[in-house]
């Protein structure tokens, strides 16, 4: 895909989000001529959640969602989160 078509697509997506009053959370690339304004604190929180979800997906049962009931899936998320937290606590 050419750079010009990518930038046009980015502009279309940004205008579509603005029309729906959705705020940009992810910053644009550093070499972008027109900078995209974003909320740094919100981006930091989003990044933290994505990284935690990535750690949880190491557990295969969560990544593939073996459990069919929401309660048992949530229980598995709690177990995986506790295991991750225990690794963090013992490393300190």
Foldseek 3Di string as FASTA:
>chain_A
DDPVVVVVVVVVVVVVCVVVVHADADWDDPPDPDTHDHDPVSNVVVVVVVVVVVQLVVPVCQVVVPDPDPVVSVVSSVVSVVVVVVVVVVVD
